[in-house]
Amino acid sequence: MRKLQLTIIAATLLSGCQTVDKALTAGTAPVSLSGPTASAIAGDMASRLAEQIGPAGTTRIRMENDSSEFATALEAALKGWGYTVIIDGNTAKDVQPVNLAYAIEGIDGQILARLTTPSIVLSRAYRPKAAGATPASPLSIMQRN
């Protein structure tokens, strides 16, 4: 458990050194997740993101077009919270969506999930289960200026 906590802290600190610009749209899911696991993680992370980025009625989210289990589950979870999710990248000139990138990585039998916008990074470790996943760490919230 100590090794996982150190890994999460290191990943969070290193992600703070990355440059974020308005073109942040990439998503990556190198770990293959089952549908129930992807849905459980995406549902939890979407609810935590909703607490941070503002009301669903006025906030649009732009994600990379990806057919992975996690991307599909995350899009569905965000829509469930009432957000408009833009996948194709086409928006009106007066619409400024929140660009959302994500990463899913396997570490010591657990899954580390990270959602990144230009202003905030959310990270949390999960224990995969046959019928979903349970949080294995507290939520890490890093705000950017």
Protein backbone atom coordinates (compact mmCIF):
# COMPACT_ATOMS: atom_id res chain seq x y z
CA MET A 1 0.00 0.00 0.00
CA ARG A 2 2.87 2.37 0.81
CA LYS A 3 4.38 1.76 -2.63
CA LEU A 4 1.06 2.62 -4.30
CA GLN A 5 0.72 5.83 -2.29
CA LEU A 6 4.25 6.90 -3.25
CA THR A 7 3.51 6.11 -6.89
CA ILE A 8 0.33 8.21 -6.82
CA ILE A 9 2.14 11.12 -5.19
CA ALA A 10 4.99 10.93 -7.70
CA ALA A 11 2.57 10.75 -10.64
CA THR A 12 0.63 13.74 -9.34
CA LEU A 13 3.77 15.81 -8.81
CA LEU A 14 5.17 14.90 -12.22
CA SER A 15 1.88 15.70 -13.94
CA GLY A 16 2.15 19.20 -12.47
CA CYS A 17 5.33 19.69 -14.49
CA GLN A 18 3.60 19.06 -17.80
CA THR A 19 2.50 21.91 -20.01
CA VAL A 20 -1.23 22.18 -20.52
CA ASP A 21 -2.67 24.20 -23.35
CA LYS A 22 -6.07 24.70 -24.88
CA ALA A 23 -5.46 21.78 -27.25
CA LEU A 24 -5.54 19.21 -24.42
CA THR A 25 -7.82 16.52 -25.81
CA ALA A 26 -5.85 13.30 -25.85
CA GLY A 27 -7.04 10.25 -23.98
CA THR A 28 -5.25 7.03 -23.35
CA ALA A 29 -6.36 3.74 -21.87
CA PRO A 30 -3.45 1.26 -22.01
CA VAL A 31 -5.12 -1.03 -19.45
CA SER A 32 -7.95 -3.22 -20.69
CA LEU A 33 -10.95 -2.87 -18.37
CA SER A 34 -14.12 -4.92 -18.20
CA GLY A 35 -17.37 -3.03 -18.77
CA PRO A 36 -18.41 -3.08 -15.08
CA THR A 37 -14.95 -1.96 -13.91
CA ALA A 38 -14.80 0.85 -16.48
CA SER A 39 -18.32 1.99 -15.55
CA ALA A 40 -17.60 2.01 -11.82
CA ILE A 41 -14.39 4.02 -12.22
CA ALA A 42 -15.87 6.40 -14.80
CA GLY A 43 -18.97 6.98 -12.66
CA ASP A 44 -16.93 7.86 -9.59
CA MET A 45 -14.48 10.07 -11.48
CA ALA A 46 -17.28 11.86 -13.37
CA SER A 47 -19.06 12.68 -10.12
CA ARG A 48 -15.82 14.06 -8.65
CA LEU A 49 -15.17 16.09 -11.79
CA ALA A 50 -18.71 17.49 -11.66
CA GLU A 51 -17.97 18.82 -8.17
CA GLN A 52 -15.00 20.77 -9.54
CA ILE A 53 -15.82 22.15 -13.01
CA GLY A 54 -19.17 23.83 -12.69
CA PRO A 55 -22.82 23.29 -13.52
CA ALA A 56 -23.77 20.81 -16.21
CA GLY A 57 -26.25 23.10 -17.94
CA THR A 58 -23.59 25.63 -18.93
CA THR A 59 -20.42 23.53 -19.19
CA ARG A 60 -19.54 21.51 -22.28
CA ILE A 61 -16.79 18.90 -22.20
CA ARG A 62 -14.59 17.98 -25.17
CA MET A 63 -13.04 14.50 -25.25
CA GLU A 64 -10.92 12.65 -27.79
CA ASN A 65 -12.86 10.22 -29.98
CA ASP A 66 -11.97 6.83 -28.51
CA SER A 67 -13.83 3.52 -28.52
CA SER A 68 -12.24 2.03 -25.37
CA GLU A 69 -14.47 0.72 -22.57
CA PHE A 70 -13.34 3.52 -20.29
CA ALA A 71 -13.90 6.32 -22.83
CA THR A 72 -17.39 5.02 -23.58
CA ALA A 73 -18.20 4.69 -19.86
CA LEU A 74 -16.79 8.15 -19.07
CA GLU A 75 -18.81 9.77 -21.84
CA ALA A 76 -21.98 8.05 -20.59
CA ALA A 77 -21.26 9.04 -16.97
CA LEU A 78 -20.69 12.68 -17.89
CA LYS A 79 -23.90 12.73 -19.94
CA GLY A 80 -25.65 11.16 -16.95
CA TRP A 81 -24.55 14.17 -14.91
CA GLY A 82 -26.13 16.41 -17.55
CA TYR A 83 -23.01 17.55 -19.39
CA THR A 84 -22.89 17.97 -23.15
CA VAL A 85 -19.94 15.89 -24.35
CA ILE A 86 -18.31 16.91 -27.61
CA ILE A 87 -16.48 14.07 -29.29
CA ASP A 88 -16.05 15.17 -32.90
CA GLY A 89 -14.30 18.43 -31.99
CA ASN A 90 -16.77 20.65 -33.84
CA THR A 91 -18.11 23.55 -31.79
CA ALA A 92 -19.47 26.99 -32.51
CA LYS A 93 -16.93 29.80 -32.25
CA ASP A 94 -18.61 31.24 -29.16
CA VAL A 95 -18.56 27.86 -27.32
CA GLN A 96 -15.53 27.24 -25.11
CA PRO A 97 -15.69 23.61 -23.93
CA VAL A 98 -13.60 22.20 -21.12
CA ASN A 99 -10.95 19.99 -22.72
CA LEU A 100 -10.73 16.68 -20.88
CA ALA A 101 -7.95 14.11 -21.11
CA TYR A 102 -7.76 10.89 -19.14
CA ALA A 103 -5.31 8.14 -18.33
CA ILE A 104 -5.89 4.64 -16.98
CA GLU A 105 -2.86 2.72 -15.78
CA GLY A 106 -2.31 -0.57 -14.00
CA ILE A 107 -0.10 -0.51 -10.90
CA ASP A 108 0.41 -3.46 -8.53
CA GLY A 109 -2.94 -5.05 -9.40
CA GLN A 110 -4.77 -1.75 -9.01
CA ILE A 111 -6.00 0.79 -11.53
CA LEU A 112 -4.86 4.42 -11.37
CA ALA A 113 -7.36 6.76 -13.04
CA ARG A 114 -6.58 10.38 -13.86
CA LEU A 115 -8.79 13.07 -15.40
CA THR A 116 -7.05 16.23 -16.58
CA THR A 117 -8.43 19.61 -17.65
CA PRO A 118 -6.42 22.81 -18.13
CA SER A 119 -7.39 23.87 -14.58
CA ILE A 120 -7.56 20.66 -12.54
CA VAL A 121 -6.19 17.12 -12.31
CA LEU A 122 -8.09 14.39 -10.44
CA SER A 123 -6.43 11.06 -9.62
CA ARG A 124 -7.51 8.00 -7.68
CA ALA A 125 -6.50 4.35 -7.39
CA TYR A 126 -9.12 1.58 -7.61
CA ARG A 127 -9.25 -2.12 -6.83
CA PRO A 128 -10.90 -3.94 -9.73
CA LYS A 129 -13.66 -6.39 -8.74
CA ALA A 130 -15.68 -8.85 -10.80
CA ALA A 131 -18.70 -6.54 -10.64
CA GLY A 132 -16.94 -3.16 -10.78
CA ALA A 133 -14.24 -1.42 -8.77
CA THR A 134 -13.81 0.19 -5.37
CA PRO A 135 -11.63 3.19 -4.46
CA ALA A 136 -8.27 2.13 -3.04
CA SER A 137 -7.02 5.64 -2.27
CA PRO A 138 -8.33 9.08 -1.44
CA LEU A 139 -9.10 11.39 -4.35
CA SER A 140 -6.13 13.55 -5.31
CA ILE A 141 -7.10 17.04 -6.52
CA MET A 142 -4.50 19.31 -8.07
CA GLN A 143 -5.67 22.77 -9.12
CA ARG A 144 -3.75 24.78 -11.71
CA ASN A 145 -3.71 28.51 -12.23
